Amino acid sequence: MKKILMTLIITLPLFACQAEQEQTNTVVDKKVSASPQQVNNNLTVVPAKQLAVKDKKSMSEYKGTIHFLNLEGGFYGIVTENGVKLLPMNLAKEYQKPGAVVKVKGETLDVMTIQQWGTPFKITAIEIIELKDVGDPSF
C-alpha cells in the first residue's frame, strides 16, 4: 500500500505538468494560425508561413593559403590574407597541398563541425595561384 501511495504522489505532478504543457501548446498554435494582428503589449502575431526566410548567402571570394591542421584527426583549412580562417567542406584532393596560395569563391555555411576551427565554407570555384614547399605540413 505504501509503495502504491508513493508512486501516485510521484507521478501525479508529472501528469499535471503534461496537461499544462498541452494547454500552452494549443494556445500558441491558435495564435500562430491567426492572421497578423496586434495583440496585448503591442506584439504582432505572424503566421509561420509569413515569416521571412533567410536570404541566400552571397558568394564571397578570398585569396589565402592552404594549411593542414593536425587536430581532430587532421583536416585542411584556408587562412586568408586578412587572417580569416575558412574550413572548406569540399576541398578536392588535388588542392590539398599545404602552403599553396589559392583564390577561392564560395559561400559560408551555417553548420557545426567537429573541427571547431574556422568558418565552414562551401567552395564553388578554386584556382591555385602559387605552390610553395612548406616542409612540415602541419599548422
Protein backbone atom coordinates (compact mmCIF):
# COMPACT_ATOMS: atom_id res chain seq x y z
CA MET A 1 0.00 0.00 0.00
CA LYS A 2 2.82 2.37 0.89
CA LYS A 3 4.53 1.72 -2.48
CA ILE A 4 1.33 2.46 -4.40
CA LEU A 5 0.79 5.68 -2.49
CA MET A 6 4.38 6.82 -3.14
CA THR A 7 4.04 6.00 -6.83
CA LEU A 8 0.87 8.10 -7.08
CA ILE A 9 2.47 11.00 -5.25
CA ILE A 10 5.46 10.96 -7.58
CA THR A 11 3.56 10.56 -10.87
CA LEU A 12 0.67 12.97 -10.19
CA PRO A 13 2.77 16.14 -10.66
CA LEU A 14 4.15 14.74 -13.91
CA PHE A 15 0.67 14.34 -15.37
CA ALA A 16 -0.27 17.83 -14.21
CA CYS A 17 2.79 19.31 -15.96
CA GLN A 18 1.98 17.42 -19.15
CA ALA A 19 -1.61 18.68 -19.17
CA GLU A 20 -0.41 22.25 -18.60
CA GLN A 21 2.13 21.92 -21.45
CA GLU A 22 -0.52 20.61 -23.86
CA GLN A 23 -2.80 23.52 -22.96
CA THR A 24 0.03 26.01 -23.57
CA ASN A 25 0.85 24.44 -26.95
CA THR A 26 -2.78 24.68 -28.01
CA VAL A 27 -2.91 28.39 -27.22
CA VAL A 28 0.34 29.04 -29.08
CA ASP A 29 -0.87 27.09 -32.12
CA LYS A 30 -4.09 29.11 -32.22
CA LYS A 31 -2.15 32.38 -32.11
CA VAL A 32 0.25 31.32 -34.85
CA SER A 33 -2.54 30.23 -37.17
CA ALA A 34 -4.28 33.60 -36.80
CA SER A 35 -3.78 36.37 -39.34
CA PRO A 36 -1.25 39.07 -38.46
CA GLN A 37 -2.74 41.28 -35.80
CA GLN A 38 -1.86 43.43 -32.85
CA VAL A 39 -2.20 41.70 -29.52
CA ASN A 40 -1.73 42.94 -25.98
CA ASN A 41 1.56 44.71 -25.19
CA ASN A 42 1.88 45.83 -28.84
CA LEU A 43 3.18 42.45 -30.02
CA THR A 44 2.40 41.32 -33.54
CA VAL A 45 1.47 37.70 -34.20
CA VAL A 46 2.65 36.47 -37.60
CA PRO A 47 1.68 33.05 -39.00
CA ALA A 48 4.62 30.73 -39.59
CA LYS A 49 4.13 30.76 -43.39
CA GLN A 50 4.60 34.52 -43.46
CA LEU A 51 7.91 34.53 -41.59
CA ALA A 52 10.80 35.73 -43.70
CA VAL A 53 13.13 33.01 -44.95
CA LYS A 54 16.84 33.73 -44.51
CA ASP A 55 18.31 35.38 -47.56
CA LYS A 56 20.51 33.17 -49.65
CA LYS A 57 24.10 33.55 -48.63
CA SER A 58 26.08 35.69 -51.01
CA MET A 59 29.14 34.40 -52.76
CA SER A 60 32.49 35.57 -51.40
CA GLU A 61 35.93 35.47 -52.94
CA TYR A 62 39.14 35.10 -50.93
CA LYS A 63 42.85 34.71 -51.52
CA GLY A 64 44.59 32.57 -48.93
CA THR A 65 46.99 29.79 -48.04
CA ILE A 66 46.05 26.16 -47.54
CA HIS A 67 47.18 24.61 -44.25
CA PHE A 68 46.97 21.09 -42.87
CA LEU A 69 45.91 21.15 -39.22
CA ASN A 70 46.74 18.09 -37.17
CA LEU A 71 43.69 18.38 -34.89
CA GLU A 72 40.65 16.09 -34.58
CA GLY A 73 42.19 13.56 -36.95
CA GLY A 74 43.64 16.19 -39.30
CA PHE A 75 41.94 18.49 -41.80
CA TYR A 76 42.69 21.23 -44.31
CA GLY A 77 41.94 24.88 -43.70
CA ILE A 78 42.45 28.10 -45.60
CA VAL A 79 43.79 31.23 -43.90
CA THR A 80 43.06 34.33 -45.98
CA GLU A 81 45.31 37.36 -46.42
CA ASN A 82 43.18 39.14 -43.79
CA GLY A 83 43.58 36.30 -41.28
CA VAL A 84 40.07 34.86 -41.79
CA LYS A 85 40.03 31.10 -41.17
CA LEU A 86 37.92 29.13 -43.63
CA LEU A 87 37.09 25.47 -43.14
CA PRO A 88 36.48 24.13 -46.67
CA MET A 89 33.81 21.45 -46.59
CA ASN A 90 34.51 20.23 -50.12
CA LEU A 91 38.21 20.79 -50.86
CA ALA A 92 39.11 18.38 -53.67
CA LYS A 93 42.15 16.11 -53.19
CA GLU A 94 44.15 17.80 -55.94
CA TYR A 95 44.03 21.08 -53.95
CA GLN A 96 45.04 19.56 -50.62
CA LYS A 97 48.56 20.98 -50.84
CA PRO A 98 49.78 22.70 -47.67
CA GLY A 99 51.39 26.04 -48.46
CA ALA A 100 49.54 26.50 -51.75
CA VAL A 101 48.22 30.01 -52.28
CA VAL A 102 44.73 29.82 -53.75
CA LYS A 103 41.88 32.01 -54.84
CA VAL A 104 38.56 30.54 -53.70
CA LYS A 105 34.99 31.54 -54.33
CA GLY A 106 32.06 30.17 -52.38
CA GLU A 107 29.66 30.69 -49.52
CA THR A 108 29.78 30.31 -45.77
CA LEU A 109 27.65 27.58 -44.26
CA ASP A 110 25.65 27.71 -41.05
CA VAL A 111 26.64 24.26 -39.75
CA MET A 112 28.52 22.86 -36.77
CA THR A 113 31.64 20.76 -37.26
CA ILE A 114 33.81 18.59 -35.05
CA GLN A 115 36.89 20.61 -36.06
CA GLN A 116 35.73 23.76 -34.21
CA TRP A 117 38.13 25.79 -36.34
CA GLY A 118 37.30 28.48 -38.84
CA THR A 119 34.09 29.23 -40.67
CA PRO A 120 32.60 26.31 -42.62
CA PHE A 121 32.87 27.22 -46.31
CA LYS A 122 31.48 25.59 -49.45
CA ILE A 123 33.85 26.10 -52.37
CA THR A 124 32.25 26.77 -55.75
CA ALA A 125 35.47 27.73 -57.59
CA ILE A 126 39.15 27.38 -56.73
CA GLU A 127 42.37 28.31 -58.51
CA ILE A 128 45.96 27.66 -57.42
CA ILE A 129 47.97 30.86 -57.68
CA GLU A 130 51.28 29.62 -56.29
CA LEU A 131 52.67 26.35 -54.93
CA LYS A 132 55.11 26.62 -52.02
CA ASP A 133 57.16 23.90 -50.37
CA VAL A 134 56.40 24.24 -46.66
CA GLY A 135 58.23 21.15 -45.42
CA ASP A 136 56.20 20.12 -42.36
CA PRO A 137 52.56 20.28 -43.49
CA SER A 138 51.07 20.77 -40.04
CA PHE A 139 49.95 24.27 -39.00
